[in-house]
Amino acid sequence: MVSKSLFSITLCAMLFALCGSVEAQQTGKVFRIGILDPSTASGSAVLWEALRQELSKLGWIEGKNFTMEYRFAENKGPDRLPELAADLVQG
């Protein structure tokens, strides 16, 4: 469970890093962060809240300059992840 959560957080951090620094942001642009999590929403809520708090410390405000979209596989195995990833990309 921990390795799956760590993988999810690492993936999110890597995607977020591609967005650039706070100083390089374009005014008015809202970045979209996609969260693909193999566990459940309730099981990962604390982790994702911690990520939002850390982003806030860096000047990122959810709803103002970024949004987070979540897809949870509900512990139903890796077979569901490709479908959820496609849904995030289309979203």
PDB file of N, CA and C in Angstrom:
ATOM      1  N   MET A   1       0.830  -1.197   0.000  1.00  0.00           N
ATOM      2  CA  MET A   1       0.000   0.000   0.000  1.00  0.00           C
ATOM      3  C   MET A   1       0.870   1.254   0.000  1.00  0.00           C
ATOM      4  N   VAL A   2       1.919   1.245   0.830  1.00  0.00           N
ATOM      5  CA  VAL A   2       2.784   2.420   0.907  1.00  0.00           C
ATOM      6  C   VAL A   2       3.481   2.662  -0.419  1.00  0.00           C
ATOM      7  N   SER A   3       3.952   1.594  -1.061  1.00  0.00           N
ATOM      8  CA  SER A   3       4.663   1.787  -2.329  1.00  0.00           C
ATOM      9  C   SER A   3       3.716   2.316  -3.414  1.00  0.00           C
ATOM     10  N   LYS A   4       2.460   1.904  -3.391  1.00  0.00           N
ATOM     11  CA  LYS A   4       1.502   2.420  -4.368  1.00  0.00           C
ATOM     12  C   LYS A   4       1.234   3.896  -4.118  1.00  0.00           C
ATOM     13  N   SER A   5       1.107   4.256  -2.854  1.00  0.00           N
ATOM     14  CA  SER A   5       0.873   5.662  -2.526  1.00  0.00           C
ATOM     15  C   SER A   5       2.091   6.500  -2.884  1.00  0.00           C
ATOM     16  N   LEU A   6       3.264   5.982  -2.585  1.00  0.00           N
ATOM     17  CA  LEU A   6       4.493   6.692  -2.920  1.00  0.00           C
ATOM     18  C   LEU A   6       4.613   6.860  -4.427  1.00  0.00           C
ATOM     19  N   PHE A   7       4.259   5.817  -5.175  1.00  0.00           N
ATOM     20  CA  PHE A   7       4.289   5.910  -6.635  1.00  0.00           C
ATOM     21  C   PHE A   7       3.341   7.000  -7.117  1.00  0.00           C
ATOM     22  N   SER A   8       2.134   7.036  -6.557  1.00  0.00           N
ATOM     23  CA  SER A   8       1.148   8.036  -6.974  1.00  0.00           C
ATOM     24  C   SER A   8       1.640   9.447  -6.693  1.00  0.00           C
ATOM     25  N   ILE A   9       2.200   9.643  -5.507  1.00  0.00           N
ATOM     26  CA  ILE A   9       2.697  10.970  -5.138  1.00  0.00           C
ATOM     27  C   ILE A   9       3.877  11.358  -6.019  1.00  0.00           C
ATOM     28  N   THR A  10       4.768  10.405  -6.276  1.00  0.00           N
ATOM     29  CA  THR A  10       5.925  10.685  -7.120  1.00  0.00           C
ATOM     30  C   THR A  10       5.492  11.048  -8.533  1.00  0.00           C
ATOM     31  N   LEU A  11       4.536  10.305  -9.072  1.00  0.00           N
ATOM     32  CA  LEU A  11       4.036  10.598 -10.412  1.00  0.00           C
ATOM     33  C   LEU A  11       3.419  11.984 -10.462  1.00  0.00           C
ATOM     34  N   CYS A  12       2.639  12.301  -9.455  1.00  0.00           N
ATOM     35  CA  CYS A  12       2.005  13.616  -9.402  1.00  0.00           C
ATOM     36  C   CYS A  12       3.062  14.717  -9.329  1.00  0.00           C
ATOM     37  N   ALA A  13       4.063  14.512  -8.494  1.00  0.00           N
ATOM     38  CA  ALA A  13       5.121  15.512  -8.344  1.00  0.00           C
ATOM     39  C   ALA A  13       5.877  15.715  -9.663  1.00  0.00           C
ATOM     40  N   MET A  14       6.130  14.623 -10.377  1.00  0.00           N
ATOM     41  CA  MET A  14       6.843  14.746 -11.652  1.00  0.00           C
ATOM     42  C   MET A  14       5.996  15.519 -12.664  1.00  0.00           C
ATOM     43  N   LEU A  15       4.715  15.224 -12.716  1.00  0.00           N
ATOM     44  CA  LEU A  15       3.837  15.950 -13.643  1.00  0.00           C
ATOM     45  C   LEU A  15       3.751  17.420 -13.269  1.00  0.00           C
ATOM     46  N   PHE A  16       3.688  17.682 -11.984  1.00  0.00           N
ATOM     47  CA  PHE A  16       3.605  19.056 -11.507  1.00  0.00           C
ATOM     48  C   PHE A  16       4.899  19.819 -11.812  1.00  0.00           C
ATOM     49  N   ALA A  17       6.036  19.145 -11.694  1.00  0.00           N
ATOM     50  CA  ALA A  17       7.318  19.790 -11.951  1.00  0.00           C
ATOM     51  C   ALA A  17       7.424  20.276 -13.398  1.00  0.00           C
ATOM     52  N   LEU A  18       6.741  19.602 -14.295  1.00  0.00           N
ATOM     53  CA  LEU A  18       6.771  20.001 -15.698  1.00  0.00           C
ATOM     54  C   LEU A  18       6.055  21.324 -15.945  1.00  0.00           C
ATOM     55  N   CYS A  19       5.250  21.740 -14.994  1.00  0.00           N
ATOM     56  CA  CYS A  19       4.491  22.979 -15.152  1.00  0.00           C
ATOM     57  C   CYS A  19       5.365  24.219 -15.009  1.00  0.00           C
ATOM     58  N   GLY A  20       6.538  24.108 -14.462  1.00  0.00           N
ATOM     59  CA  GLY A  20       7.415  25.253 -14.292  1.00  0.00           C
ATOM     60  C   GLY A  20       7.309  25.847 -12.906  1.00  0.00           C
ATOM     61  N   SER A  21       8.080  26.850 -12.662  1.00  0.00           N
ATOM     62  CA  SER A  21       8.095  27.470 -11.339  1.00  0.00           C
ATOM     63  C   SER A  21       6.987  28.500 -11.209  1.00  0.00           C
ATOM     64  N   VAL A  22       6.754  28.929  -9.985  1.00  0.00           N
ATOM     65  CA  VAL A  22       5.712  29.921  -9.717  1.00  0.00           C
ATOM     66  C   VAL A  22       6.012  31.214 -10.468  1.00  0.00           C
ATOM     67  N   GLU A  23       7.259  31.615 -10.513  1.00  0.00           N
ATOM     68  CA  GLU A  23       7.626  32.865 -11.170  1.00  0.00           C
ATOM     69  C   GLU A  23       7.399  32.815 -12.679  1.00  0.00           C
ATOM     70  N   ALA A  24       7.440  31.633 -13.256  1.00  0.00           N
ATOM     71  CA  ALA A  24       7.321  31.508 -14.707  1.00  0.00           C
ATOM     72  C   ALA A  24       5.875  31.352 -15.169  1.00  0.00           C
ATOM     73  N   GLN A  25       4.943  31.384 -14.254  1.00  0.00           N
ATOM     74  CA  GLN A  25       3.547  31.196 -14.619  1.00  0.00           C
ATOM     75  C   GLN A  25       3.022  32.344 -15.468  1.00  0.00           C
ATOM     76  N   GLN A  26       2.125  31.982 -16.355  1.00  0.00           N
ATOM     77  CA  GLN A  26       1.410  32.995 -17.107  1.00  0.00           C
ATOM     78  C   GLN A  26       0.222  33.435 -16.267  1.00  0.00           C
ATOM     79  N   THR A  27      -0.042  34.708 -16.220  1.00  0.00           N
ATOM     80  CA  THR A  27      -1.164  35.218 -15.455  1.00  0.00           C
ATOM     81  C   THR A  27      -2.458  34.640 -15.984  1.00  0.00           C
ATOM     82  N   GLY A  28      -3.293  34.148 -15.083  1.00  0.00           N
ATOM     83  CA  GLY A  28      -4.592  33.636 -15.455  1.00  0.00           C
ATOM     84  C   GLY A  28      -4.616  32.186 -15.894  1.00  0.00           C
ATOM     85  N   LYS A  29      -3.474  31.565 -16.089  1.00  0.00           N
ATOM     86  CA  LYS A  29      -3.458  30.177 -16.518  1.00  0.00           C
ATOM     87  C   LYS A  29      -3.680  29.264 -15.318  1.00  0.00           C
ATOM     88  N   VAL A  30      -4.574  28.303 -15.477  1.00  0.00           N
ATOM     89  CA  VAL A  30      -4.861  27.337 -14.422  1.00  0.00           C
ATOM     90  C   VAL A  30      -4.344  25.976 -14.882  1.00  0.00           C
ATOM     91  N   PHE A  31      -3.374  25.444 -14.158  1.00  0.00           N
ATOM     92  CA  PHE A  31      -2.800  24.147 -14.484  1.00  0.00           C
ATOM     93  C   PHE A  31      -3.675  23.038 -13.930  1.00  0.00           C
ATOM     94  N   ARG A  32      -3.699  21.935 -14.623  1.00  0.00           N
ATOM     95  CA  ARG A  32      -4.511  20.786 -14.229  1.00  0.00           C
ATOM     96  C   ARG A  32      -3.591  19.650 -13.823  1.00  0.00           C
ATOM     97  N   ILE A  33      -3.767  19.151 -12.603  1.00  0.00           N
ATOM     98  CA  ILE A  33      -2.987  18.026 -12.099  1.00  0.00           C
ATOM     99  C   ILE A  33      -3.904  16.816 -12.037  1.00  0.00           C
ATOM    100  N   GLY A  34      -3.524  15.764 -12.731  1.00  0.00           N
ATOM    101  CA  GLY A  34      -4.300  14.528 -12.726  1.00  0.00           C
ATOM    102  C   GLY A  34      -3.723  13.554 -11.717  1.00  0.00           C
ATOM    103  N   ILE A  35      -4.578  13.030 -10.861  1.00  0.00           N
ATOM    104  CA  ILE A  35      -4.176  12.076  -9.837  1.00  0.00           C
ATOM    105  C   ILE A  35      -4.766  10.720 -10.206  1.00  0.00           C
ATOM    106  N   LEU A  36      -3.910   9.761 -10.452  1.00  0.00           N
ATOM    107  CA  LEU A  36      -4.316   8.396 -10.743  1.00  0.00           C
ATOM    108  C   LEU A  36      -3.859   7.546  -9.570  1.00  0.00           C
ATOM    109  N   ASP A  37      -4.807   7.084  -8.774  1.00  0.00           N
ATOM    110  CA  ASP A  37      -4.493   6.411  -7.515  1.00  0.00           C
ATOM    111  C   ASP A  37      -5.110   5.015  -7.505  1.00  0.00           C
ATOM    112  N   PRO A  38      -4.299   3.984  -7.246  1.00  0.00           N
ATOM    113  CA  PRO A  38      -4.833   2.623  -7.238  1.00  0.00           C
ATOM    114  C   PRO A  38      -5.691   2.308  -6.013  1.00  0.00           C
ATOM    115  N   SER A  39      -5.668   3.153  -5.007  1.00  0.00           N
ATOM    116  CA  SER A  39      -6.421   2.876  -3.780  1.00  0.00           C
ATOM    117  C   SER A  39      -7.777   3.581  -3.808  1.00  0.00           C
ATOM    118  N   THR A  40      -8.289   3.915  -2.632  1.00  0.00           N
ATOM    119  CA  THR A  40      -9.600   4.558  -2.518  1.00  0.00           C
ATOM    120  C   THR A  40      -9.447   6.031  -2.157  1.00  0.00           C
ATOM    121  N   ALA A  41     -10.485   6.793  -2.412  1.00  0.00           N
ATOM    122  CA  ALA A  41     -10.459   8.222  -2.082  1.00  0.00           C
ATOM    123  C   ALA A  41     -10.287   8.426  -0.580  1.00  0.00           C
ATOM    124  N   SER A  42     -11.012   7.661   0.212  1.00  0.00           N
ATOM    125  CA  SER A  42     -10.901   7.824   1.668  1.00  0.00           C
ATOM    126  C   SER A  42      -9.543   7.357   2.184  1.00  0.00           C
ATOM    127  N   GLY A  43      -8.966   6.349   1.544  1.00  0.00           N
ATOM    128  CA  GLY A  43      -7.665   5.840   1.977  1.00  0.00           C
ATOM    129  C   GLY A  43      -6.512   6.767   1.653  1.00  0.00           C
ATOM    130  N   SER A  44      -6.677   7.622   0.669  1.00  0.00           N
ATOM    131  CA  SER A  44      -5.596   8.519   0.243  1.00  0.00           C
ATOM    132  C   SER A  44      -5.851   9.982   0.586  1.00  0.00           C
ATOM    133  N   ALA A  45      -6.959  10.283   1.210  1.00  0.00           N
ATOM    134  CA  ALA A  45      -7.340  11.670   1.471  1.00  0.00           C
ATOM    135  C   ALA A  45      -6.270  12.443   2.221  1.00  0.00           C
ATOM    136  N   VAL A  46      -5.648  11.827   3.203  1.00  0.00           N
ATOM    137  CA  VAL A  46      -4.627  12.518   3.997  1.00  0.00           C
ATOM    138  C   VAL A  46      -3.418  12.859   3.137  1.00  0.00           C
ATOM    139  N   LEU A  47      -3.022  11.940   2.262  1.00  0.00           N
ATOM    140  CA  LEU A  47      -1.859  12.187   1.393  1.00  0.00           C
ATOM    141  C   LEU A  47      -2.115  13.341   0.432  1.00  0.00           C
ATOM    142  N   TRP A  48      -3.287  13.349  -0.187  1.00  0.00           N
ATOM    143  CA  TRP A  48      -3.576  14.401  -1.162  1.00  0.00           C
ATOM    144  C   TRP A  48      -3.780  15.750  -0.485  1.00  0.00           C
ATOM    145  N   GLU A  49      -4.303  15.747   0.732  1.00  0.00           N
ATOM    146  CA  GLU A  49      -4.426  17.001   1.477  1.00  0.00           C
ATOM    147  C   GLU A  49      -3.045  17.547   1.819  1.00  0.00           C
ATOM    148  N   ALA A  50      -2.119  16.661   2.182  1.00  0.00           N
ATOM    149  CA  ALA A  50      -0.744  17.085   2.475  1.00  0.00           C
ATOM    150  C   ALA A  50      -0.099  17.698   1.234  1.00  0.00           C
ATOM    151  N   LEU A  51      -0.350  17.118   0.065  1.00  0.00           N
ATOM    152  CA  LEU A  51       0.192  17.676  -1.176  1.00  0.00           C
ATOM    153  C   LEU A  51      -0.374  19.073  -1.417  1.00  0.00           C
ATOM    154  N   ARG A  52      -1.692  19.247  -1.241  1.00  0.00           N
ATOM    155  CA  ARG A  52      -2.299  20.569  -1.424  1.00  0.00           C
ATOM    156  C   ARG A  52      -1.700  21.592  -0.461  1.00  0.00           C
ATOM    157  N   GLN A  53      -1.462  21.204   0.771  1.00  0.00           N
ATOM    158  CA  GLN A  53      -0.880  22.119   1.753  1.00  0.00           C
ATOM    159  C   GLN A  53       0.537  22.520   1.361  1.00  0.00           C
ATOM    160  N   GLU A  54       1.329  21.561   0.894  1.00  0.00           N
ATOM    161  CA  GLU A  54       2.696  21.874   0.488  1.00  0.00           C
ATOM    162  C   GLU A  54       2.711  22.766  -0.743  1.00  0.00           C
ATOM    163  N   LEU A  55       1.812  22.520  -1.684  1.00  0.00           N
ATOM    164  CA  LEU A  55       1.713  23.389  -2.860  1.00  0.00           C
ATOM    165  C   LEU A  55       1.317  24.802  -2.448  1.00  0.00           C
ATOM    166  N   SER A  56       0.431  24.901  -1.483  1.00  0.00           N
ATOM    167  CA  SER A  56       0.008  26.208  -0.980  1.00  0.00           C
ATOM    168  C   SER A  56       1.188  26.983  -0.401  1.00  0.00           C
ATOM    169  N   LYS A  57       2.075  26.292   0.280  1.00  0.00           N
ATOM    170  CA  LYS A  57       3.267  26.941   0.843  1.00  0.00           C
ATOM    171  C   LYS A  57       4.161  27.518  -0.256  1.00  0.00           C
ATOM    172  N   LEU A  58       4.065  26.927  -1.446  1.00  0.00           N
ATOM    173  CA  LEU A  58       4.875  27.391  -2.583  1.00  0.00           C
ATOM    174  C   LEU A  58       4.142  28.440  -3.419  1.00  0.00           C
ATOM    175  N   GLY A  59       2.968  28.843  -2.979  1.00  0.00           N
ATOM    176  CA  GLY A  59       2.236  29.880  -3.690  1.00  0.00           C
ATOM    177  C   GLY A  59       1.171  29.372  -4.646  1.00  0.00           C
ATOM    178  N   TRP A  60       0.966  28.075  -4.697  1.00  0.00           N
ATOM    179  CA  TRP A  60      -0.046  27.494  -5.569  1.00  0.00           C
ATOM    180  C   TRP A  60      -1.352  27.416  -4.802  1.00  0.00           C
ATOM    181  N   ILE A  61      -2.428  27.921  -5.400  1.00  0.00           N
ATOM    182  CA  ILE A  61      -3.726  27.949  -4.746  1.00  0.00           C
ATOM    183  C   ILE A  61      -4.709  27.165  -5.602  1.00  0.00           C
ATOM    184  N   GLU A  62      -5.256  26.101  -5.020  1.00  0.00           N
ATOM    185  CA  GLU A  62      -6.197  25.265  -5.759  1.00  0.00           C
ATOM    186  C   GLU A  62      -7.430  26.084  -6.137  1.00  0.00           C
ATOM    187  N   GLY A  63      -7.799  25.989  -7.391  1.00  0.00           N
ATOM    188  CA  GLY A  63      -8.926  26.749  -7.903  1.00  0.00           C
ATOM    189  C   GLY A  63      -8.512  28.082  -8.494  1.00  0.00           C
ATOM    190  N   LYS A  64      -7.331  28.574  -8.129  1.00  0.00           N
ATOM    191  CA  LYS A  64      -6.851  29.842  -8.671  1.00  0.00           C
ATOM    192  C   LYS A  64      -5.808  29.624  -9.761  1.00  0.00           C
ATOM    193  N   ASN A  65      -4.754  28.858  -9.458  1.00  0.00           N
ATOM    194  CA  ASN A  65      -3.737  28.617 -10.478  1.00  0.00           C
ATOM    195  C   ASN A  65      -3.485  27.128 -10.747  1.00  0.00           C
ATOM    196  N   PHE A  66      -4.243  26.256 -10.073  1.00  0.00           N
ATOM    197  CA  PHE A  66      -4.207  24.840 -10.412  1.00  0.00           C
ATOM    198  C   PHE A  66      -5.482  24.163  -9.928  1.00  0.00           C
ATOM    199  N   THR A  67      -5.801  23.059 -10.580  1.00  0.00           N
ATOM    200  CA  THR A  67      -6.895  22.199 -10.137  1.00  0.00           C
ATOM    201  C   THR A  67      -6.368  20.778 -10.059  1.00  0.00           C
ATOM    202  N   MET A  68      -6.981  19.980  -9.230  1.00  0.00           N
ATOM    203  CA  MET A  68      -6.606  18.571  -9.110  1.00  0.00           C
ATOM    204  C   MET A  68      -7.820  17.723  -9.473  1.00  0.00           C
ATOM    205  N   GLU A  69      -7.590  16.777 -10.372  1.00  0.00           N
ATOM    206  CA  GLU A  69      -8.630  15.834 -10.750  1.00  0.00           C
ATOM    207  C   GLU A  69      -8.179  14.450 -10.327  1.00  0.00           C
ATOM    208  N   TYR A  70      -9.063  13.728  -9.690  1.00  0.00           N
ATOM    209  CA  TYR A  70      -8.736  12.432  -9.121  1.00  0.00           C
ATOM    210  C   TYR A  70      -9.460  11.314  -9.845  1.00  0.00           C
ATOM    211  N   ARG A  71      -8.769  10.191  -9.966  1.00  0.00           N
ATOM    212  CA  ARG A  71      -9.379   8.950 -10.418  1.00  0.00           C
ATOM    213  C   ARG A  71      -8.825   7.856  -9.500  1.00  0.00           C
ATOM    214  N   PHE A  72      -9.728   7.115  -8.874  1.00  0.00           N
ATOM    215  CA  PHE A  72      -9.342   6.068  -7.935  1.00  0.00           C
ATOM    216  C   PHE A  72      -9.771   4.707  -8.460  1.00  0.00           C
ATOM    217  N   ALA A  73      -8.867   3.739  -8.409  1.00  0.00           N
ATOM    218  CA  ALA A  73      -9.155   2.385  -8.875  1.00  0.00           C
ATOM    219  C   ALA A  73      -9.891   1.574  -7.817  1.00  0.00           C
ATOM    220  N   GLU A  74     -10.055   2.128  -6.629  1.00  0.00           N
ATOM    221  CA  GLU A  74     -10.799   1.470  -5.551  1.00  0.00           C
ATOM    222  C   GLU A  74     -10.247   0.082  -5.222  1.00  0.00           C
ATOM    223  N   ASN A  75      -8.924  -0.057  -5.269  1.00  0.00           N
ATOM    224  CA  ASN A  75      -8.233  -1.314  -4.954  1.00  0.00           C
ATOM    225  C   ASN A  75      -8.708  -2.491  -5.816  1.00  0.00           C
ATOM    226  N   LYS A  76      -9.126  -2.222  -7.029  1.00  0.00           N
ATOM    227  CA  LYS A  76      -9.633  -3.278  -7.907  1.00  0.00           C
ATOM    228  C   LYS A  76      -8.566  -3.784  -8.864  1.00  0.00           C
ATOM    229  N   GLY A  77      -7.325  -3.468  -8.591  1.00  0.00           N
ATOM    230  CA  GLY A  77      -6.233  -4.012  -9.375  1.00  0.00           C
ATOM    231  C   GLY A  77      -5.793  -3.109 -10.510  1.00  0.00           C
ATOM    232  N   PRO A  78      -4.656  -3.443 -11.082  1.00  0.00           N
ATOM    233  CA  PRO A  78      -4.056  -2.613 -12.134  1.00  0.00           C
ATOM    234  C   PRO A  78      -4.826  -2.640 -13.454  1.00  0.00           C
ATOM    235  N   ASP A  79      -5.744  -3.576 -13.627  1.00  0.00           N
ATOM    236  CA  ASP A  79      -6.499  -3.651 -14.883  1.00  0.00           C
ATOM    237  C   ASP A  79      -7.347  -2.407 -15.116  1.00  0.00           C
ATOM    238  N   ARG A  80      -7.719  -1.745 -14.070  1.00  0.00           N
ATOM    239  CA  ARG A  80      -8.597  -0.574 -14.173  1.00  0.00           C
ATOM    240  C   ARG A  80      -7.827   0.723 -14.477  1.00  0.00           C
ATOM    241  N   LEU A  81      -6.525   0.734 -14.204  1.00  0.00           N
ATOM    242  CA  LEU A  81      -5.737   1.962 -14.332  1.00  0.00           C
ATOM    243  C   LEU A  81      -5.698   2.534 -15.750  1.00  0.00           C
ATOM    244  N   PRO A  82      -5.543   1.731 -16.807  1.00  0.00           N
ATOM    245  CA  PRO A  82      -5.536   2.327 -18.155  1.00  0.00           C
ATOM    246  C   PRO A  82      -6.826   3.068 -18.488  1.00  0.00           C
ATOM    247  N   GLU A  83      -7.952   2.515 -18.095  1.00  0.00           N
ATOM    248  CA  GLU A  83      -9.242   3.167 -18.328  1.00  0.00           C
ATOM    249  C   GLU A  83      -9.316   4.498 -17.577  1.00  0.00           C
ATOM    250  N   LEU A  84      -8.869   4.491 -16.333  1.00  0.00           N
ATOM    251  CA  LEU A  84      -8.898   5.716 -15.533  1.00  0.00           C
ATOM    252  C   LEU A  84      -7.926   6.765 -16.071  1.00  0.00           C
ATOM    253  N   ALA A  85      -6.766   6.318 -16.547  1.00  0.00           N
ATOM    254  CA  ALA A  85      -5.791   7.251 -17.117  1.00  0.00           C
ATOM    255  C   ALA A  85      -6.351   7.899 -18.384  1.00  0.00           C
ATOM    256  N   ALA A  86      -7.020   7.114 -19.203  1.00  0.00           N
ATOM    257  CA  ALA A  86      -7.637   7.664 -20.416  1.00  0.00           C
ATOM    258  C   ALA A  86      -8.714   8.688 -20.042  1.00  0.00           C
ATOM    259  N   ASP A  87      -9.468   8.408 -18.995  1.00  0.00           N
ATOM    260  CA  ASP A  87     -10.503   9.322 -18.547  1.00  0.00           C
ATOM    261  C   ASP A  87      -9.891  10.643 -18.070  1.00  0.00           C
ATOM    262  N   LEU A  88      -8.759  10.555 -17.376  1.00  0.00           N
ATOM    263  CA  LEU A  88      -8.070  11.780 -16.931  1.00  0.00           C
ATOM    264  C   LEU A  88      -7.606  12.615 -18.119  1.00  0.00           C
ATOM    265  N   VAL A  89      -7.045  11.960 -19.110  1.00  0.00           N
ATOM    266  CA  VAL A  89      -6.528  12.674 -20.275  1.00  0.00           C
ATOM    267  C   VAL A  89      -7.672  13.348 -21.042  1.00  0.00           C
ATOM    268  N   GLN A  90      -8.793  12.682 -21.156  1.00  0.00           N
ATOM    269  CA  GLN A  90      -9.938  13.258 -21.870  1.00  0.00           C
ATOM    270  C   GLN A  90     -10.624  14.349 -21.070  1.00  0.00           C
ATOM    271  N   GLY A  91     -10.544  14.235 -19.717  1.00  0.00           N
ATOM    272  CA  GLY A  91     -11.258  15.117 -18.808  1.00  0.00           C
ATOM    273  C   GLY A  91     -10.972  16.534 -18.988  1.00  0.00           C
TER     274      GLY A  91
END
